[in-house]
Every structure is written in C-alpha cells, then in structure tokens.
C-alpha atoms as a PDB file:
ATOM      1  CA  MET A   1      11.551   5.747  27.750  1.00  0.00           C
ATOM      2  CA  SER A   2      15.123   6.390  28.856  1.00  0.00           C
ATOM      3  CA  GLN A   3      13.938   6.513  32.485  1.00  0.00           C
ATOM      4  CA  ASP A   4      12.354   3.073  32.048  1.00  0.00           C
ATOM      5  CA  LEU A   5      15.607   1.693  30.696  1.00  0.00           C
ATOM      6  CA  PHE A   6      17.656   3.292  33.446  1.00  0.00           C
ATOM      7  CA  SER A   7      15.361   2.075  36.212  1.00  0.00           C
ATOM      8  CA  SER A   8      15.258  -1.438  34.721  1.00  0.00           C
ATOM      9  CA  LEU A   9      19.035  -1.569  34.516  1.00  0.00           C
ATOM     10  CA  LYS A  10      19.350  -0.240  38.056  1.00  0.00           C
ATOM     11  CA  ASN A  11      16.860  -2.820  39.315  1.00  0.00           C
ATOM     12  CA  TYR A  12      18.641  -5.699  37.557  1.00  0.00           C
ATOM     13  CA  ALA A  13      22.033  -4.470  38.787  1.00  0.00           C
ATOM     14  CA  ALA A  14      20.727  -4.450  42.350  1.00  0.00           C
ATOM     15  CA  LYS A  15      19.412  -7.994  41.973  1.00  0.00           C
ATOM     16  CA  LEU A  16      22.738  -9.081  40.476  1.00  0.00           C
ATOM     17  CA  SER A  17      24.716  -7.597  43.352  1.00  0.00           C
ATOM     18  CA  ASN A  18      22.393  -9.285  45.889  1.00  0.00           C
ATOM     19  CA  GLY A  19      22.911 -12.623  44.137  1.00  0.00           C
ATOM     20  CA  GLU A  20      19.228 -13.000  43.281  1.00  0.00           C
ATOM     21  CA  LYS A  21      19.894 -13.389  39.553  1.00  0.00           C
ATOM     22  CA  SER A  22      22.777 -14.609  37.487  1.00  0.00           C
ATOM     23  CA  PRO A  23      24.318 -12.397  34.810  1.00  0.00           C
ATOM     24  CA  ALA A  24      22.904 -14.729  32.124  1.00  0.00           C
ATOM     25  CA  GLU A  25      19.372 -14.333  33.528  1.00  0.00           C
ATOM     26  CA  ILE A  26      19.728 -10.569  33.624  1.00  0.00           C
ATOM     27  CA  ALA A  27      21.115 -10.460  30.080  1.00  0.00           C
ATOM     28  CA  SER A  28      18.248 -12.646  28.861  1.00  0.00           C
ATOM     29  CA  ALA A  29      15.653 -10.480  30.595  1.00  0.00           C
ATOM     30  CA  LEU A  30      17.235  -7.323  29.160  1.00  0.00           C
ATOM     31  CA  ASN A  31      17.264  -8.807  25.651  1.00  0.00           C
ATOM     32  CA  ILE A  32      13.563  -9.628  25.901  1.00  0.00           C
ATOM     33  CA  TRP A  33      12.769  -6.172  27.267  1.00  0.00           C
ATOM     34  CA  LEU A  34      14.795  -4.471  24.521  1.00  0.00           C
ATOM     35  CA  LYS A  35      13.072  -6.483  21.790  1.00  0.00           C
ATOM     36  CA  GLU A  36       9.613  -5.687  23.172  1.00  0.00           C
ATOM     37  CA  SER A  37      10.514  -2.027  23.531  1.00  0.00           C
ATOM     38  CA  GLY A  38      11.895  -1.914  19.997  1.00  0.00           C
ATOM     39  CA  ASP A  39       8.723  -3.484  18.604  1.00  0.00           C
ATOM     40  CA  SER A  40       6.607  -0.990  20.527  1.00  0.00           C
ATOM     41  CA  ILE A  41       8.625   1.955  19.222  1.00  0.00           C
ATOM     42  CA  LYS A  42       8.436   0.607  15.665  1.00  0.00           C
ATOM     43  CA  GLU A  43       4.630   0.347  15.883  1.00  0.00           C
ATOM     44  CA  LYS A  44       4.367   3.896  17.229  1.00  0.00           C
ATOM     45  CA  ILE A  45       6.587   5.277  14.460  1.00  0.00           C
ATOM     46  CA  GLU A  46       4.615   3.438  11.752  1.00  0.00           C
ATOM     47  CA  SER A  47       1.356   4.777  13.173  1.00  0.00           C
ATOM     48  CA  GLU A  48       2.676   8.346  13.224  1.00  0.00           C
ATOM     49  CA  VAL A  49       3.999   8.072   9.675  1.00  0.00           C
ATOM     50  CA  LYS A  50       0.645   6.740   8.422  1.00  0.00           C
ATOM     51  CA  GLN A  51      -1.204   9.606  10.112  1.00  0.00           C
ATOM     52  CA  SER A  52       1.207  12.210   8.731  1.00  0.00           C
ATOM     53  CA  VAL A  53       1.064  10.784   5.210  1.00  0.00           C
ATOM     54  CA  SER A  54      -2.725  10.680   5.369  1.00  0.00           C
ATOM     55  CA  LYS A  55      -2.891  14.303   6.516  1.00  0.00           C
ATOM     56  CA  MET A  56      -0.607  15.374   3.667  1.00  0.00           C
ATOM     57  CA  GLY A  57      -2.859  13.667   1.150  1.00  0.00           C
ATOM     58  CA  PHE A  58      -0.375  11.142  -0.176  1.00  0.00           C
ATOM     59  CA  ALA A  59      -1.707   7.933  -1.691  1.00  0.00           C
ATOM     60  CA  LYS A  60      -0.534   4.489  -0.647  1.00  0.00           C
ATOM     61  CA  GLN A  61       1.005   2.168  -3.222  1.00  0.00           C
ATOM     62  CA  SER A  62      -1.929  -0.221  -2.855  1.00  0.00           C
ATOM     63  CA  ASP A  63      -4.323   2.618  -3.749  1.00  0.00           C
ATOM     64  CA  LEU A  64      -2.246   3.490  -6.805  1.00  0.00           C
ATOM     65  CA  ASP A  65      -2.204  -0.160  -7.875  1.00  0.00           C
ATOM     66  CA  LYS A  66      -6.015  -0.348  -7.631  1.00  0.00           C
ATOM     67  CA  LEU A  67      -6.364   2.810  -9.699  1.00  0.00           C
ATOM     68  CA  GLN A  68      -3.982   1.461 -12.323  1.00  0.00           C
ATOM     69  CA  LYS A  69      -6.070  -1.725 -12.634  1.00  0.00           C
ATOM     70  CA  GLN A  70      -9.229   0.350 -13.047  1.00  0.00           C
ATOM     71  CA  ILE A  71      -7.565   2.503 -15.703  1.00  0.00           C
ATOM     72  CA  ASP A  72      -6.397  -0.583 -17.581  1.00  0.00           C
ATOM     73  CA  GLN A  73      -9.925  -2.043 -17.500  1.00  0.00           C
ATOM     74  CA  LEU A  74     -11.446   1.211 -18.734  1.00  0.00           C
ATOM     75  CA  LEU A  75      -8.911   1.465 -21.546  1.00  0.00           C
ATOM     76  CA  LYS A  76      -9.696  -2.073 -22.650  1.00  0.00           C
ATOM     77  CA  LYS A  77     -13.425  -1.288 -22.631  1.00  0.00           C
ATOM     78  CA  ALA A  78     -12.817   1.934 -24.545  1.00  0.00           C
ATOM     79  CA  ASP A  79     -10.730   0.087 -27.147  1.00  0.00           C
ATOM     80  CA  LEU A  80     -13.457  -2.521 -27.575  1.00  0.00           C
ATOM     81  CA  LYS A  81     -16.135   0.126 -27.976  1.00  0.00           C
ATOM     82  CA  LYS A  82     -13.943   2.187 -30.290  1.00  0.00           C
ATOM     83  CA  SER A  83     -13.201  -0.778 -32.533  1.00  0.00           C
ATOM     84  CA  SER A  84     -16.840  -1.879 -32.689  1.00  0.00           C
ATOM     85  CA  VAL A  85     -18.063   1.689 -33.265  1.00  0.00           C
ATOM     86  CA  ALA A  86     -15.448   2.278 -35.934  1.00  0.00           C
ATOM     87  CA  LYS A  87     -16.499  -0.853 -37.817  1.00  0.00           C
ATOM     88  CA  LYS A  88     -20.229  -0.098 -37.773  1.00  0.00           C
ATOM     89  CA  PRO A  89     -20.115   3.326 -39.432  1.00  0.00           C
ATOM     90  CA  ALA A  90     -17.806   2.048 -42.146  1.00  0.00           C
ATOM     91  CA  LYS A  91     -20.335  -0.631 -43.040  1.00  0.00           C
ATOM     92  CA  LYS A  92     -23.178   1.875 -42.954  1.00  0.00           C
ATOM     93  CA  ILE A  93     -21.288   4.294 -45.193  1.00  0.00           C
ATOM     94  CA  VAL A  94     -20.593   1.592 -47.763  1.00  0.00           C
ATOM     95  CA  LYS A  95     -24.212   0.406 -47.691  1.00  0.00           C
ATOM     96  CA  SER A  96     -25.586   3.925 -48.108  1.00  0.00           C
ATOM     97  CA  ALA A  97     -23.196   4.593 -51.017  1.00  0.00           C
ATOM     98  CA  VAL A  98     -24.311   1.366 -52.702  1.00  0.00           C
ATOM     99  CA  LYS A  99     -27.985   2.291 -52.209  1.00  0.00           C
ATOM    100  CA  LYS A 100     -27.412   5.743 -53.689  1.00  0.00           C
ATOM    101  CA  LYS A 101     -25.681   4.267 -56.719  1.00  0.00           C
ATOM    102  CA  ALA A 102     -28.522   1.809 -57.163  1.00  0.00           C
ATOM    103  CA  LYS A 103     -31.149   4.578 -56.995  1.00  0.00           C
ATOM    104  CA  ASN A 104     -29.261   6.786 -59.415  1.00  0.00           C
ATOM    105  CA  GLY A 105     -28.622   3.865 -61.735  1.00  0.00           C
ATOM    106  CA  LYS A 106     -24.925   4.497 -61.933  1.00  0.00           C
END
C-alpha cells in the first residue's frame, strides 16, 4: 500500500517536472486515488471485522432485533392463552359447585 502511494507520487512528480501535467491535474488525480484507496481499505476492514465477530459468536443488532420481535409475539400469545385458560376453569369451577349444591339440595 505505501509502495503504491510512493510510486504514484514519484510518477506524478516526474510528469510534473517534465511539464506533462499541471499541479492542479496532479492534485486532482491524487485526490481521486486517495478516495478510492480509502474506500477500498474501509471495505477490507469492515469485511475483516465481520469475519472476526462471526468467529467469536457475537450477534448482530439486526439479529437481536428479530429475536426481540419474536419474544414479544410469543409473550402476547402466552398472555392471550393464559387469560383465556384462566377464565375457563373459573367458569367450570362455579358450574360444578352449583351442580353439587343442586344435587345435595343445599
């Protein structure tokens, strides 16, 4: 990487001294090259970080968000079932107590 930069600078300096390119053209070309190089380095770093995180077994935020949604849905279902189950036995208990009273005549 540093060799590429050095050789590019050396090449542009030679062209500048020979009058082939103006300083503005060289500066523009260097800016473009630096931006492209920076983007390339950023992509490589992101890729390495993703691989390392994956190897370590860490979860991504998007995975955690999906799990949280699933948990919320399951809790809602459990609450619905719990409330409907809780109501049914209470009714059955009352009905059976009324039937027993009716049979016993009390």
